[in-house]
């Protein structure tokens, strides 16, 4: 929907609505990891300790490349946000025609980066992008050893 159609639709709905509310939000947390810091990491050479010293603690940790014996590497995820958004909520003021409509533009995917390490905890690769594209698809968690 182009901007003009959106404005007309909101204006028309607001005339029929009993209440119109608007919101403006800004969410910011953590600092982005500059691509230069990631480029300084050396796949095949740098280990987990060196990468953590460079980037700090990750937000999430995933198993990576699980072997038949249950051993696995790890994938570490960092993410950040510095974003603004707006929303509009329209609701009917009539008892015989209750209802509401809301639109929120601020809910989008987060930028982040992920590092993959082999079972020896040596960096295999890294990638920057949107968190939804970086994380593994939903999977059933593996059982702890001995269960």
Foldseek 3Di string as FASTA:
>chain_A
DDPVVVVVVVVVLQVQFPDKDKDKDWDWDDDADDVVLVVPADFPPDFPVVNCVSPPAAPDKDFADQDPVRQTWIKGKHWIDTDMWMKMKTFHPDPVDTDIDMDIPGDDFTKIKMWTATSVRGTHHMDTDTPVVPDDDDDDDDDDPPD
